[in-house]
Amino acid sequence: MTTAFDPIVLGGKRLTSRVVMAPMTRSRAFGPGAEPTELMATYYAQRAGAGLLVTEGIQPSPVGQGYPDTPGLHTPGQIQAWRTVTDAVHREGGAIFAQLMHTGRIGHPSLLPEGLVPVAPSPVAAKGQVYTHQGPKEFVTPQELTEAEIRQTVADFADAARNAIEAGFDGVELHGANGYLIHQFLAPHTNRRTDAWGGGTEGRIRFAVEVVTAVTEAIGGHRVGLRISPGNVYNDIAEDDPTEVYAALLDRLAPLDLAYLHLMEGPDRDLTAHLRKAWPGTFVLNPFTYPDATGPDALKLVEDGSADMVAYGALFLANPDLPARLAAGGPFNTPDQATFYGGDHRGYTDYPALTD
């Protein structure tokens, strides 16, 4: 029987276990350069006992930033600063993927360089607020991306992926979940386009497919993961046909031989089983455990074949040595309750995402 503590080969790299630290936005890249700090290097190195670390969301371009003090991967200074983080993790024997997160309509002009505004597939404002340096502010109506801007955004993801490899990352995870830009294209509530980037299923999955394809061509599919969250209502997303849309998406992506698919699970476990069966490669599961943090019971998801790897979020914040504690059966420090409710994030409606 395979367990979560057995090694696994991911993208040609042998990982020590199947325990993943899920991506969690932290807003610690203080300063005008949006560069990671020594504190961040320490944070990730402390958690290098995970089979795989996935970083907090990293914007692939200036307009992709949706929260204060989140780091980027689009300048030489950012690349160099991230090298400090990846070197620290590798010295501890860990593996680390950079999560590339374009927030799309989730954000505010005050968080962006002068003259930029949040962008999205369609000019539909999200309900709720976002935290800024001036306090909470209502989401604004985003600017609809033109065909040329969509093409540039796809290129931005590919460039950021190249930058990630230059910075020493073992790969990248593309954030297609939790109501951010890729997810906004997938969902009919936020994608009301009638051109080739919207409309029916094929149009709505096109942006995700082209981003993943471009990044795969840039750095190799073995270094690319994709995170999805079908049916997740976080950031005012509504999807009435997740099974059809995500089945089509996985069918188009399967030939790319990606490193993994990372599912941020909702309450529909039948959908999880359907996607698990449909995906031919490594399947990472961040299980739905709301209102609790994912706990030791989630290890059984690897044992029963529901997933190849299991991702932990909040519990990793409170327990930097979480894999060792899981192996020993505890004890576990209790995460701060704010962790469960999106940290600095605002705008969730029904149930919050436990990780980003």
Protein backbone atom coordinates (compact mmCIF):
# COMPACT_ATOMS: atom_id res chain seq x y z
CA MET A 1 0.00 0.00 0.00
CA THR A 2 1.29 3.43 -0.96
CA THR A 3 1.41 5.96 1.86
CA ALA A 4 1.89 9.71 2.02
CA PHE A 5 5.41 9.14 3.33
CA ASP A 6 6.58 7.14 0.35
CA PRO A 7 8.77 8.94 -2.19
CA ILE A 8 7.41 9.97 -5.57
CA VAL A 9 9.08 11.16 -8.76
CA LEU A 10 7.68 14.49 -9.91
CA GLY A 11 9.00 16.13 -13.04
CA GLY A 12 12.06 13.93 -13.00
CA LYS A 13 12.88 14.87 -9.40
CA ARG A 14 12.56 12.36 -6.57
CA LEU A 15 10.55 13.84 -3.70
CA THR A 16 10.99 12.51 -0.19
CA SER A 17 7.25 12.24 0.50
CA ARG A 18 3.80 12.93 -0.92
CA VAL A 19 3.00 15.69 1.58
CA VAL A 20 2.67 19.08 -0.14
CA MET A 21 2.64 22.52 1.43
CA ALA A 22 -0.18 24.31 -0.34
CA PRO A 23 0.26 27.89 -1.61
CA MET A 24 -0.72 30.57 0.90
CA THR A 25 -0.52 34.30 0.25
CA ARG A 26 1.38 36.11 3.01
CA SER A 27 1.99 39.74 1.82
CA ARG A 28 5.54 39.93 3.14
CA ALA A 29 7.34 41.35 0.07
CA PHE A 30 7.68 44.81 1.57
CA GLY A 31 9.05 47.66 -0.49
CA PRO A 32 8.55 49.10 -3.97
CA GLY A 33 10.29 46.24 -5.79
CA ALA A 34 7.81 43.52 -4.73
CA GLU A 35 10.85 41.35 -3.96
CA PRO A 36 11.00 38.44 -1.50
CA THR A 37 12.94 39.03 1.69
CA GLU A 38 15.31 37.11 3.95
CA LEU A 39 12.33 36.46 6.23
CA MET A 40 10.63 34.64 3.37
CA ALA A 41 13.74 32.55 2.75
CA THR A 42 13.67 31.50 6.39
CA TYR A 43 9.95 30.73 6.25
CA TYR A 44 10.25 28.37 3.28
CA ALA A 45 13.48 26.75 4.48
CA GLN A 46 11.78 25.92 7.80
CA ARG A 47 9.15 23.98 5.86
CA ALA A 48 11.50 22.22 3.44
CA GLY A 49 10.62 18.87 5.03
CA ALA A 50 7.57 18.80 2.77
CA GLY A 51 7.81 16.57 -0.25
CA LEU A 52 6.97 19.68 -2.26
CA LEU A 53 6.61 23.33 -1.31
CA VAL A 54 4.36 25.56 -3.41
CA THR A 55 4.96 29.24 -2.82
CA GLU A 56 2.50 31.98 -2.12
CA GLY A 57 0.95 33.52 -5.21
CA ILE A 58 3.50 35.43 -7.32
CA GLN A 59 2.29 37.96 -9.89
CA PRO A 60 3.67 37.35 -13.40
CA SER A 61 3.29 41.02 -14.33
CA PRO A 62 2.64 44.35 -12.56
CA VAL A 63 -1.07 44.36 -13.45
CA GLY A 64 -1.43 40.84 -12.04
CA GLN A 65 -1.03 42.03 -8.44
CA GLY A 66 -4.19 41.94 -6.36
CA TYR A 67 -2.99 42.28 -2.77
CA PRO A 68 -0.50 44.51 -0.97
CA ASP A 69 3.12 43.41 -0.65
CA THR A 70 2.84 40.25 -2.73
CA PRO A 71 5.98 39.28 -4.66
CA GLY A 72 6.54 39.28 -8.41
CA LEU A 73 8.66 37.37 -10.92
CA HIS A 74 8.91 39.91 -13.72
CA THR A 75 12.04 41.97 -12.88
CA PRO A 76 15.74 41.11 -12.56
CA GLY A 77 15.67 42.16 -8.90
CA GLN A 78 12.81 39.79 -8.14
CA ILE A 79 14.59 36.91 -9.87
CA GLN A 80 17.72 37.50 -7.82
CA ALA A 81 15.78 37.81 -4.57
CA TRP A 82 13.90 34.57 -5.22
CA ARG A 83 17.23 32.83 -5.76
CA THR A 84 17.92 33.46 -2.06
CA VAL A 85 14.71 31.59 -1.22
CA THR A 86 15.25 28.63 -3.54
CA ASP A 87 18.87 28.24 -2.44
CA ALA A 88 17.74 28.13 1.21
CA VAL A 89 15.15 25.46 0.46
CA HIS A 90 17.55 23.35 -1.59
CA ARG A 91 20.19 23.51 1.15
CA GLU A 92 17.62 21.86 3.41
CA GLY A 93 16.96 19.16 0.82
CA GLY A 94 13.55 20.50 -0.27
CA ALA A 95 11.83 21.00 -3.62
CA ILE A 96 9.90 24.17 -4.41
CA PHE A 97 7.51 25.30 -7.17
CA ALA A 98 6.58 28.95 -7.74
CA GLN A 99 2.86 29.58 -7.93
CA LEU A 100 2.14 32.11 -10.68
CA MET A 101 -1.02 34.01 -9.77
CA HIS A 102 -2.60 36.74 -11.88
CA THR A 103 -5.51 38.02 -9.81
CA GLY A 104 -7.43 39.60 -12.68
CA ARG A 105 -10.42 41.56 -11.39
CA ILE A 106 -9.52 40.84 -7.77
CA GLY A 107 -7.54 43.90 -6.69
CA HIS A 108 -7.65 47.68 -6.76
CA PRO A 109 -5.95 50.47 -8.76
CA SER A 110 -4.23 51.69 -5.57
CA LEU A 111 -2.24 48.44 -5.51
CA LEU A 112 -0.98 48.88 -9.07
CA PRO A 113 1.54 51.18 -10.77
CA GLU A 114 0.19 54.53 -11.91
CA GLY A 115 -2.23 54.23 -14.81
CA LEU A 116 -3.02 50.51 -14.42
CA VAL A 117 -6.38 49.06 -13.39
CA PRO A 118 -7.45 45.47 -12.73
CA VAL A 119 -8.27 43.47 -15.86
CA ALA A 120 -10.59 40.57 -16.56
CA PRO A 121 -12.31 38.61 -19.35
CA SER A 122 -15.38 40.86 -18.98
CA PRO A 123 -16.11 44.14 -17.16
CA VAL A 124 -17.89 42.49 -14.22
CA ALA A 125 -16.98 43.76 -10.75
CA ALA A 126 -16.64 41.27 -7.91
CA LYS A 127 -18.79 41.72 -4.85
CA GLY A 128 -16.85 42.47 -1.69
CA GLN A 129 -13.70 44.28 -0.69
CA VAL A 130 -9.96 43.93 -1.02
CA TYR A 131 -7.44 44.99 1.61
CA THR A 132 -5.10 47.81 0.61
CA HIS A 133 -2.53 49.95 2.40
CA GLN A 134 -5.34 52.45 2.93
CA GLY A 135 -7.68 49.84 4.38
CA PRO A 136 -10.47 47.78 2.80
CA LYS A 137 -11.79 49.06 -0.55
CA GLU A 138 -14.63 47.91 -2.78
CA PHE A 139 -13.65 45.95 -5.85
CA VAL A 140 -13.79 48.07 -9.00
CA THR A 141 -15.18 47.22 -12.42
CA PRO A 142 -12.21 45.68 -14.27
CA GLN A 143 -11.07 46.60 -17.75
CA GLU A 144 -12.01 43.97 -20.34
CA LEU A 145 -8.94 42.46 -21.94
CA THR A 146 -8.55 42.96 -25.67
CA GLU A 147 -7.34 40.17 -27.95
CA ALA A 148 -3.86 41.71 -27.98
CA GLU A 149 -3.85 42.06 -24.18
CA ILE A 150 -4.89 38.43 -23.77
CA ARG A 151 -2.00 37.37 -25.97
CA GLN A 152 0.36 39.54 -23.93
CA THR A 153 -0.94 38.04 -20.69
CA VAL A 154 -0.27 34.54 -21.98
CA ALA A 155 3.27 35.66 -22.86
CA ASP A 156 3.67 37.19 -19.40
CA PHE A 157 2.95 33.82 -17.79
CA ALA A 158 5.53 32.14 -20.03
CA ASP A 159 8.14 34.82 -19.28
CA ALA A 160 7.50 34.52 -15.53
CA ALA A 161 7.92 30.75 -15.78
CA ARG A 162 11.31 31.22 -17.46
CA ASN A 163 12.21 33.67 -14.71
CA ALA A 164 11.22 31.09 -12.09
CA ILE A 165 13.63 28.54 -13.51
CA GLU A 166 16.35 31.20 -13.66
CA ALA A 167 15.60 31.93 -9.99
CA GLY A 168 16.23 28.29 -9.10
CA PHE A 169 12.68 26.97 -8.75
CA ASP A 170 12.09 23.32 -9.56
CA GLY A 171 8.94 24.25 -11.47
CA VAL A 172 5.83 26.42 -11.44
CA GLU A 173 2.21 25.98 -10.47
CA LEU A 174 -0.29 27.99 -12.51
CA HIS A 175 -3.10 29.34 -10.37
CA GLY A 176 -6.33 28.48 -12.14
CA ALA A 177 -8.42 28.49 -8.98
CA ASN A 178 -10.17 30.63 -6.34
CA GLY A 179 -11.61 33.28 -8.60
CA TYR A 180 -8.40 34.67 -10.11
CA LEU A 181 -7.79 35.39 -13.78
CA ILE A 182 -7.61 31.87 -15.23
CA HIS A 183 -10.65 30.90 -13.18
CA GLN A 184 -12.43 34.06 -14.33
CA PHE A 185 -12.10 32.90 -17.92
CA LEU A 186 -13.47 29.45 -17.02
CA ALA A 187 -16.57 30.70 -15.21
CA PRO A 188 -19.65 31.96 -17.10
CA HIS A 189 -20.42 34.46 -14.34
CA THR A 190 -17.17 36.36 -15.03
CA ASN A 191 -16.60 35.47 -18.69
CA ARG A 192 -19.43 36.96 -20.73
CA ARG A 193 -17.46 37.26 -23.94
CA THR A 194 -18.96 36.26 -27.26
CA ASP A 195 -15.66 35.97 -29.13
CA ALA A 196 -13.31 32.98 -29.30
CA TRP A 197 -12.30 33.48 -25.65
CA GLY A 198 -15.79 32.99 -24.25
CA GLY A 199 -19.25 31.68 -25.02
CA GLY A 200 -19.42 27.91 -24.72
CA THR A 201 -17.11 25.43 -23.04
CA GLU A 202 -14.40 25.49 -25.71
CA GLY A 203 -14.18 29.27 -25.62
CA ARG A 204 -14.06 29.49 -21.84
CA ILE A 205 -11.29 26.89 -21.45
CA ARG A 206 -9.19 28.46 -24.23
CA PHE A 207 -7.28 30.92 -22.04
CA ALA A 208 -6.34 28.23 -19.52
CA VAL A 209 -5.24 25.89 -22.31
CA GLU A 210 -3.15 28.55 -24.02
CA VAL A 211 -1.47 29.67 -20.79
CA VAL A 212 -0.59 26.10 -19.81
CA THR A 213 0.61 25.34 -23.33
CA ALA A 214 2.79 28.47 -23.50
CA VAL A 215 4.36 27.76 -20.12
CA THR A 216 4.93 24.12 -21.07
CA GLU A 217 6.69 25.21 -24.26
CA ALA A 218 8.80 27.64 -22.23
CA ILE A 219 10.07 25.34 -19.46
CA GLY A 220 8.80 21.81 -20.20
CA GLY A 221 5.61 20.12 -19.04
CA HIS A 222 7.50 18.15 -16.39
CA ARG A 223 8.02 21.46 -14.55
CA VAL A 224 4.42 22.67 -14.74
CA GLY A 225 1.49 22.10 -12.40
CA LEU A 226 -2.02 23.55 -12.58
CA ARG A 227 -4.30 24.33 -9.68
CA ILE A 228 -8.07 24.34 -10.14
CA SER A 229 -11.08 24.71 -7.83
CA PRO A 230 -14.26 23.71 -9.68
CA GLY A 231 -17.36 25.16 -8.08
CA ASN A 232 -15.45 27.22 -5.51
CA VAL A 233 -17.41 30.42 -4.80
CA TYR A 234 -14.41 32.31 -3.41
CA ASN A 235 -14.01 35.81 -4.85
CA ASP A 236 -17.59 35.90 -6.11
CA ILE A 237 -17.28 33.10 -8.66
CA ALA A 238 -20.31 31.11 -9.85
CA GLU A 239 -20.10 27.95 -11.96
CA ASP A 240 -23.20 26.00 -12.88
CA ASP A 241 -21.49 23.42 -15.09
CA PRO A 242 -18.13 22.57 -13.50
CA THR A 243 -18.14 18.91 -14.51
CA GLU A 244 -18.50 19.62 -18.22
CA VAL A 245 -16.04 22.52 -18.29
CA TYR A 246 -13.31 20.87 -16.23
CA ALA A 247 -13.64 17.52 -17.98
CA ALA A 248 -13.06 19.35 -21.26
CA LEU A 249 -10.14 21.27 -19.78
CA LEU A 250 -8.43 18.13 -18.50
CA ASP A 251 -8.98 16.39 -21.81
CA ARG A 252 -7.18 19.21 -23.63
CA LEU A 253 -4.32 19.34 -21.11
CA ALA A 254 -3.67 15.62 -20.70
CA PRO A 255 -1.37 15.34 -23.76
CA LEU A 256 0.96 18.01 -22.31
CA ASP A 257 2.23 15.53 -19.68
CA LEU A 258 2.24 18.07 -16.85
CA ALA A 259 3.99 17.51 -13.54
CA TYR A 260 0.66 17.45 -11.72
CA LEU A 261 -2.92 18.64 -11.40
CA HIS A 262 -3.69 20.25 -8.03
CA LEU A 263 -7.35 20.18 -7.04
CA MET A 264 -8.62 22.60 -4.41
CA GLU A 265 -11.62 20.51 -3.52
CA GLY A 266 -15.14 21.80 -2.91
CA PRO A 267 -17.88 19.91 -1.07
CA ASP A 268 -18.66 17.73 -4.12
CA ARG A 269 -16.53 14.62 -3.55
CA ASP A 270 -18.15 12.93 -6.57
CA LEU A 271 -16.63 15.64 -8.79
CA THR A 272 -13.25 14.97 -7.18
CA ALA A 273 -13.54 11.28 -8.03
CA HIS A 274 -14.56 12.12 -11.60
CA LEU A 275 -11.57 14.43 -12.12
CA ARG A 276 -9.21 11.96 -10.46
CA LYS A 277 -10.30 9.30 -12.92
CA ALA A 278 -10.05 11.70 -15.87
CA TRP A 279 -6.53 12.92 -15.12
CA PRO A 280 -3.79 10.56 -16.36
CA GLY A 281 -0.92 12.11 -14.39
CA THR A 282 -0.03 12.96 -10.80
CA PHE A 283 -3.08 14.15 -8.85
CA VAL A 284 -2.55 16.47 -5.87
CA LEU A 285 -5.54 16.95 -3.60
CA ASN A 286 -6.15 19.79 -1.16
CA PRO A 287 -9.23 18.22 0.46
CA PHE A 288 -12.37 20.07 1.51
CA THR A 289 -12.40 20.06 5.31
CA TYR A 290 -14.15 23.37 6.07
CA PRO A 291 -14.58 24.65 8.73
CA ASP A 292 -11.55 22.75 10.03
CA ALA A 293 -7.97 22.72 8.80
CA THR A 294 -6.85 19.68 6.84
CA GLY A 295 -5.67 17.19 9.45
CA PRO A 296 -3.95 13.80 9.78
CA ASP A 297 -6.98 11.94 8.41
CA ALA A 298 -6.20 13.38 4.97
CA LEU A 299 -3.18 11.05 4.76
CA LYS A 300 -5.64 8.25 4.03
CA LEU A 301 -6.46 9.89 0.68
CA VAL A 302 -3.12 8.66 -0.61
CA GLU A 303 -3.57 5.22 0.92
CA ASP A 304 -7.00 4.68 -0.66
CA GLY A 305 -5.91 6.03 -4.05
CA SER A 306 -8.02 9.20 -4.01
CA ALA A 307 -4.84 11.19 -4.64
CA ASP A 308 -1.15 10.73 -5.36
CA MET A 309 -0.19 13.60 -3.06
CA VAL A 310 -2.06 15.53 -0.37
CA ALA A 311 -1.71 19.29 0.26
CA TYR A 312 -1.82 20.99 3.65
CA GLY A 313 -2.29 24.71 4.17
CA ALA A 314 -3.14 26.21 7.56
CA LEU A 315 -1.59 23.38 9.57
CA PHE A 316 1.74 24.04 7.85
CA LEU A 317 1.74 27.63 9.09
CA ALA A 318 1.47 26.55 12.71
CA ASN A 319 3.74 23.51 12.32
CA PRO A 320 6.81 24.18 10.14
CA ASP A 321 7.91 20.56 10.71
CA LEU A 322 4.47 19.22 9.80
CA PRO A 323 5.58 16.10 7.87
CA ALA A 324 7.53 14.87 10.89
CA ARG A 325 4.57 15.55 13.17
CA LEU A 326 2.19 13.77 10.80
CA ALA A 327 4.49 10.76 10.71
CA ALA A 328 4.66 10.73 14.52
CA GLY A 329 0.92 11.25 14.96
CA GLY A 330 1.36 14.71 16.51
CA PRO A 331 1.32 16.80 18.57
CA PHE A 332 0.05 19.69 16.43
CA ASN A 333 0.01 23.39 17.11
CA THR A 334 -3.39 24.94 16.38
CA PRO A 335 -3.47 27.47 13.53
CA ASP A 336 -4.78 30.96 14.22
CA GLN A 337 -8.46 31.07 13.29
CA ALA A 338 -7.83 33.97 10.87
CA THR A 339 -5.85 31.56 8.72
CA PHE A 340 -9.04 29.74 7.80
CA TYR A 341 -10.71 32.87 6.53
CA GLY A 342 -8.31 33.96 3.86
CA GLY A 343 -5.83 35.90 6.02
CA ASP A 344 -5.51 39.34 4.47
CA HIS A 345 -7.97 38.46 1.72
CA ARG A 346 -11.50 39.80 1.46
CA GLY A 347 -14.41 39.05 -0.81
CA TYR A 348 -15.39 35.44 -0.10
CA THR A 349 -19.11 34.76 0.00
CA ASP A 350 -20.22 31.32 1.18
CA TYR A 351 -17.29 29.25 2.38
CA PRO A 352 -13.71 30.59 2.25
CA ALA A 353 -10.75 28.93 0.63
CA LEU A 354 -8.34 27.54 3.20
CA THR A 355 -5.38 28.26 0.94
CA ASP A 356 -4.70 30.47 -2.04
